[in-house]
């Protein structure tokens, strides 16, 4: 398990507008989440609503959309959860996989995956 913060940018689907954020990397989490107001500010619309199990074990129905993520010079489009206001942006395992990044738990930083099997 690793938990630390990184600077990220997220954008609308057309990559016309970007917002810079500090996000917590949490390898226990699967999906990326950001307060819903930030996503709406970018013009990101929910496309599905799904039941999601939260860190405390509770299950909630939450909106999910698509956004661009930029981190360490890499960009990828991915699912993003419209989280509650005043929650910390969260970067989960799916985002790291999409960007081909891994966690160095000792140095508490992200490193590029190399020689990744297909």
Protein backbone atom coordinates (compact mmCIF):
# COMPACT_ATOMS: atom_id res chain seq x y z
CA UNK A 1 0.00 0.00 0.00
CA UNK A 2 1.19 3.50 -0.84
CA UNK A 3 -0.43 6.86 -0.18
CA UNK A 4 1.17 10.17 -1.23
CA UNK A 5 0.35 13.28 -3.28
CA UNK A 6 1.21 14.24 -6.87
CA UNK A 7 0.39 17.19 -9.12
CA UNK A 8 -1.99 16.31 -11.97
CA UNK A 9 -4.04 18.07 -14.63
CA UNK A 10 -7.48 17.03 -15.87
CA UNK A 11 -9.30 18.24 -18.96
CA UNK A 12 -12.57 18.06 -20.82
CA UNK A 13 -12.95 15.42 -23.54
CA UNK A 14 -11.73 17.82 -26.24
CA UNK A 15 -8.67 18.84 -24.16
CA UNK A 16 -9.63 22.51 -24.54
CA UNK A 17 -9.60 23.41 -20.83
CA UNK A 18 -7.31 22.01 -18.14
CA UNK A 19 -7.38 22.28 -14.34
CA UNK A 20 -4.28 21.64 -12.21
CA UNK A 21 -4.83 19.72 -8.97
CA UNK A 22 -2.99 18.01 -6.19
CA UNK A 23 -4.21 14.41 -5.96
CA UNK A 24 -3.61 11.65 -3.47
CA UNK A 25 -2.20 8.46 -4.97
CA UNK A 26 -3.86 5.56 -3.19
CA UNK A 27 -3.06 2.07 -4.47
CA UNK A 28 -5.98 0.65 -2.48
CA UNK A 29 -8.42 2.62 -4.64
CA UNK A 30 -9.37 1.50 -8.13
CA UNK A 31 -10.93 4.57 -9.77
CA UNK A 32 -9.98 8.22 -9.97
CA UNK A 33 -12.31 10.71 -8.26
CA UNK A 34 -12.60 14.49 -8.11
CA UNK A 35 -15.21 16.78 -6.58
CA UNK A 36 -18.13 16.90 -9.00
CA UNK A 37 -18.14 20.71 -9.20
CA UNK A 38 -14.65 20.70 -10.74
CA UNK A 39 -15.77 18.23 -13.39
CA UNK A 40 -18.89 20.24 -14.19
CA UNK A 41 -16.71 23.38 -14.42
CA UNK A 42 -14.72 21.60 -17.13
CA UNK A 43 -17.89 20.58 -18.94
CA UNK A 44 -17.47 16.89 -18.10
CA UNK A 45 -20.87 15.18 -18.06
CA UNK A 46 -21.79 11.98 -16.24
CA UNK A 47 -22.32 9.09 -18.65
CA UNK A 48 -23.20 6.33 -16.20
CA UNK A 49 -24.25 5.92 -12.58
CA UNK A 50 -22.92 2.88 -10.75
CA UNK A 51 -22.78 1.41 -7.29
CA UNK A 52 -19.28 1.98 -5.89
CA UNK A 53 -17.85 0.57 -2.67
CA UNK A 54 -16.16 3.32 -0.67
CA UNK A 55 -13.05 3.01 1.50
CA UNK A 56 -15.20 2.72 4.63
CA UNK A 57 -17.05 -0.27 3.12
CA UNK A 58 -20.26 1.63 2.37
CA UNK A 59 -21.78 1.33 -1.09
CA UNK A 60 -23.05 4.44 -2.92
CA UNK A 61 -24.49 5.20 -6.33
CA UNK A 62 -22.18 7.70 -8.01
CA UNK A 63 -21.93 9.42 -11.38
CA UNK A 64 -19.00 8.52 -13.63
CA UNK A 65 -17.75 10.40 -16.69
CA UNK A 66 -14.68 10.54 -18.92
CA UNK A 67 -11.82 13.02 -18.60
CA UNK A 68 -8.25 13.43 -19.75
CA UNK A 69 -5.53 13.03 -17.15
CA UNK A 70 -2.03 14.46 -17.52
CA UNK A 71 0.71 13.29 -15.17
CA UNK A 72 4.49 13.12 -15.51
CA UNK A 73 4.34 14.07 -19.20
CA UNK A 74 1.80 11.35 -20.01
CA UNK A 75 -1.84 11.73 -21.00
CA UNK A 76 -4.75 9.29 -21.11
CA UNK A 77 -8.53 9.44 -21.14
CA UNK A 78 -10.19 7.57 -18.32
CA UNK A 79 -13.22 7.08 -16.13
CA UNK A 80 -13.62 9.58 -13.33
CA UNK A 81 -16.03 9.54 -10.40
CA UNK A 82 -17.99 12.69 -9.52
CA UNK A 83 -17.17 12.75 -5.81
CA UNK A 84 -18.59 14.89 -3.03
CA UNK A 85 -17.54 18.50 -2.58
CA UNK A 86 -14.47 19.15 -0.46
CA UNK A 87 -13.09 15.64 -1.03
CA UNK A 88 -9.46 15.31 -1.99
CA UNK A 89 -8.87 14.32 -5.63
CA UNK A 90 -7.90 10.67 -5.64
CA UNK A 91 -5.75 8.77 -8.13
CA UNK A 92 -6.39 5.03 -8.05
CA UNK A 93 -4.83 1.97 -9.65
CA UNK A 94 -6.79 2.27 -12.91
CA UNK A 95 -5.32 5.71 -13.63
CA UNK A 96 -1.80 4.48 -12.95
CA UNK A 97 -2.34 1.48 -15.23
CA UNK A 98 -3.72 3.69 -18.02
CA UNK A 99 -0.62 5.90 -17.84
CA UNK A 100 1.74 2.90 -17.55
CA UNK A 101 3.05 4.13 -14.21
CA UNK A 102 3.93 2.17 -11.09
CA UNK A 103 4.43 3.20 -7.48
CA UNK A 104 7.84 3.21 -5.85
CA UNK A 105 6.66 2.77 -2.22
CA UNK A 106 10.08 3.45 -0.73
CA UNK A 107 10.66 6.75 -2.53
CA UNK A 108 6.92 7.57 -2.55
CA UNK A 109 6.90 8.51 -6.21
CA UNK A 110 5.58 7.27 -9.54
CA UNK A 111 7.90 5.55 -11.98
CA UNK A 112 7.40 4.52 -15.62
CA UNK A 113 6.66 0.87 -16.28
CA UNK A 114 9.35 -0.65 -18.47
CA UNK A 115 9.30 -3.93 -20.35
CA UNK A 116 5.60 -4.30 -19.67
CA UNK A 117 4.31 -7.68 -20.91
CA UNK A 118 1.51 -7.51 -23.45
